[in-house]
Amino acid sequence: MVLVPGKTKFGIFFGDNTGYFEACNQLAEMLDSAGHSPLAASYRERGRGILERLKALSWNGRFFTHFIDEDPDVKRNLGVDEKSQIAQGNMYSLNRGLPHAMNAAIIDTYIELRKHLPPGSPGNGTPYTAVREGFCQS
C-alpha cells in the first residue's frame, strides 16, 4: 500500500479496537497479579474508554460495522451495503471480553443470517460443509 499525503483515506476497523480492548484487560490482570494495582487500573480504564468510543462509533445494536471512514464524505462502491454487512471479525470479538449483551446480540445476528441463507450456501447446515456426507456428489 502506498500512502499519498492529502489523498490516502483512513478509517477505523472495529476488530483492531476489540483486540486492543482485550489486550488492555489482559495486561491489567497481569499487572494486578504482579502487585501493580494502580497501573492495572489505568489499563482497565483505557480498555473501558476504547470500548465506549468504539460502541458509539461502530456498534449498531446487533454487531459492529466493519469499517468507519475517518472522512464521512468518502463514498466507496464495494458492491455491498457496508452498514448491513456482518464482518467475520464480529465472531472473533466474541472471545475478547465484550459485555454479555453484546456477545448475545452478535450471536443472534448470525443465527438470523443462517435462517435466511439460500439452499446450498456455505454455512447452511454443518460448519464442516466439505466433509458433510454427499457434499461432492452431483
Protein backbone atom coordinates (compact mmCIF):
# COMPACT_ATOMS: atom_id res chain seq x y z
CA MET A 1 0.00 0.00 0.00
CA VAL A 2 1.26 3.44 -0.89
CA LEU A 3 0.32 6.35 1.35
CA VAL A 4 -0.23 9.55 -0.56
CA PRO A 5 -0.41 12.60 1.74
CA GLY A 6 -3.65 14.50 1.18
CA LYS A 7 -5.14 11.68 -0.90
CA THR A 8 -4.98 8.44 1.10
CA LYS A 9 -8.13 7.92 3.18
CA PHE A 10 -8.07 6.29 6.60
CA GLY A 11 -10.65 4.87 8.92
CA ILE A 12 -11.45 2.68 11.91
CA PHE A 13 -11.69 -1.11 11.78
CA PHE A 14 -13.56 -2.37 14.82
CA GLY A 15 -11.58 -5.63 15.15
CA ASP A 16 -8.34 -3.82 15.87
CA ASN A 17 -10.10 -2.00 18.66
CA THR A 18 -11.82 -5.02 20.25
CA GLY A 19 -8.38 -6.67 20.23
CA TYR A 20 -6.86 -3.64 21.93
CA PHE A 21 -9.70 -3.63 24.49
CA GLU A 22 -8.96 -7.26 25.34
CA ALA A 23 -5.20 -6.64 25.46
CA CYS A 24 -5.75 -3.81 27.97
CA ASN A 25 -7.82 -6.15 30.16
CA GLN A 26 -5.28 -8.96 29.95
CA LEU A 27 -2.42 -6.61 30.79
CA ALA A 28 -4.42 -5.26 33.74
CA GLU A 29 -4.89 -8.81 35.02
CA MET A 30 -1.16 -9.50 34.77
CA LEU A 31 -0.29 -6.22 36.48
CA ASP A 32 -2.72 -6.98 39.31
CA SER A 33 -1.09 -10.38 39.78
CA ALA A 34 2.33 -8.73 39.92
CA GLY A 35 1.17 -6.31 42.61
CA HIS A 36 0.88 -3.23 40.37
CA SER A 37 -2.79 -2.46 41.01
CA PRO A 38 -2.70 1.30 40.24
CA LEU A 39 -1.15 0.63 36.83
CA ALA A 40 -3.61 -2.22 36.27
CA ALA A 41 -6.49 0.16 36.96
CA SER A 42 -5.17 2.60 34.36
CA TYR A 43 -5.19 -0.13 31.69
CA ARG A 44 -8.69 -1.24 32.67
CA GLU A 45 -9.80 2.36 32.28
CA ARG A 46 -8.04 2.63 28.92
CA GLY A 47 -9.83 -0.51 27.71
CA ARG A 48 -13.17 0.75 29.01
CA GLY A 49 -12.67 4.03 27.16
CA ILE A 50 -11.72 2.28 23.92
CA LEU A 51 -14.84 0.11 24.05
CA GLU A 52 -17.08 3.05 24.94
CA ARG A 53 -15.85 5.09 21.98
CA LEU A 54 -15.97 2.08 19.65
CA LYS A 55 -19.57 1.37 20.61
CA ALA A 56 -20.54 4.98 19.91
CA LEU A 57 -18.84 4.84 16.51
CA SER A 58 -19.36 1.32 15.19
CA TRP A 59 -21.92 -0.67 17.23
CA ASN A 60 -25.40 -0.75 15.68
CA GLY A 61 -27.09 -2.70 18.46
CA ARG A 62 -26.62 -6.06 16.69
CA PHE A 63 -22.99 -6.09 15.51
CA PHE A 64 -20.03 -3.87 14.76
CA THR A 65 -19.93 -2.12 11.39
CA HIS A 66 -16.83 -3.37 9.63
CA PHE A 67 -15.13 -0.08 8.78
CA ILE A 68 -15.83 3.56 9.52
CA ASP A 69 -14.16 6.08 7.23
CA GLU A 70 -12.35 8.90 9.02
CA ASP A 71 -13.83 11.27 6.42
CA PRO A 72 -17.64 10.81 6.30
CA ASP A 73 -17.70 12.32 2.79
CA VAL A 74 -15.78 9.35 1.36
CA LYS A 75 -18.11 7.19 -0.71
CA ARG A 76 -16.92 3.72 -1.65
CA ASN A 77 -18.71 1.43 -4.07
CA LEU A 78 -17.74 -2.03 -2.86
CA GLY A 79 -20.86 -3.75 -4.19
CA VAL A 80 -22.44 -4.23 -0.74
CA ASP A 81 -24.27 -2.14 1.80
CA GLU A 82 -21.43 -1.76 4.28
CA LYS A 83 -23.77 -0.76 7.12
CA SER A 84 -25.68 -4.06 6.92
CA GLN A 85 -22.72 -6.34 6.13
CA ILE A 86 -21.78 -8.61 9.02
CA ALA A 87 -17.99 -8.79 9.17
CA GLN A 88 -16.34 -12.02 10.32
CA GLY A 89 -14.41 -10.04 12.90
CA ASN A 90 -17.61 -9.88 14.95
CA MET A 91 -17.20 -13.59 15.67
CA TYR A 92 -13.57 -13.08 16.67
CA SER A 93 -14.72 -10.34 19.03
CA LEU A 94 -16.79 -12.87 21.00
CA ASN A 95 -13.52 -14.03 22.56
CA ARG A 96 -12.38 -10.55 23.53
CA GLY A 97 -14.17 -9.87 26.78
CA LEU A 98 -17.13 -7.91 25.42
CA PRO A 99 -20.16 -7.50 27.68
CA HIS A 100 -22.59 -10.44 27.60
CA ALA A 101 -25.37 -8.44 25.91
CA MET A 102 -23.08 -7.53 23.00
CA ASN A 103 -21.93 -11.13 22.57
CA ALA A 104 -25.55 -12.33 22.63
CA ALA A 105 -26.54 -9.74 20.00
CA ILE A 106 -23.70 -10.83 17.69
CA ILE A 107 -24.66 -14.49 18.06
CA ASP A 108 -28.34 -13.69 17.43
CA THR A 109 -27.33 -11.80 14.29
CA TYR A 110 -25.54 -14.85 12.92
CA ILE A 111 -28.47 -17.11 13.83
CA GLU A 112 -30.79 -14.79 11.88
CA LEU A 113 -28.37 -14.73 8.95
CA ARG A 114 -28.32 -18.53 8.85
CA LYS A 115 -32.12 -18.69 8.79
CA HIS A 116 -32.13 -16.66 5.56
CA LEU A 117 -29.30 -18.28 3.59
CA PRO A 118 -30.21 -19.70 0.19
CA PRO A 119 -30.09 -23.52 -0.01
CA GLY A 120 -26.57 -24.80 -0.57
CA SER A 121 -24.89 -21.71 0.84
CA PRO A 122 -21.63 -22.19 2.72
CA GLY A 123 -22.56 -22.25 6.37
CA ASN A 124 -26.02 -23.67 5.69
CA GLY A 125 -26.15 -26.75 7.90
CA THR A 126 -22.90 -28.04 9.31
CA PRO A 127 -19.92 -25.70 9.59
CA TYR A 128 -17.92 -28.58 8.08
CA THR A 129 -19.55 -28.37 4.65
CA ALA A 130 -16.64 -30.02 2.83
CA VAL A 131 -16.87 -33.19 4.95
CA ARG A 132 -20.67 -33.45 5.04
CA GLU A 133 -21.99 -36.68 3.53
CA GLY A 134 -22.87 -36.20 -0.14
CA PHE A 135 -21.05 -32.86 -0.48
CA CYS A 136 -19.08 -33.91 -3.57
CA GLN A 137 -21.95 -35.82 -5.21
CA SER A 138 -23.87 -34.27 -8.06
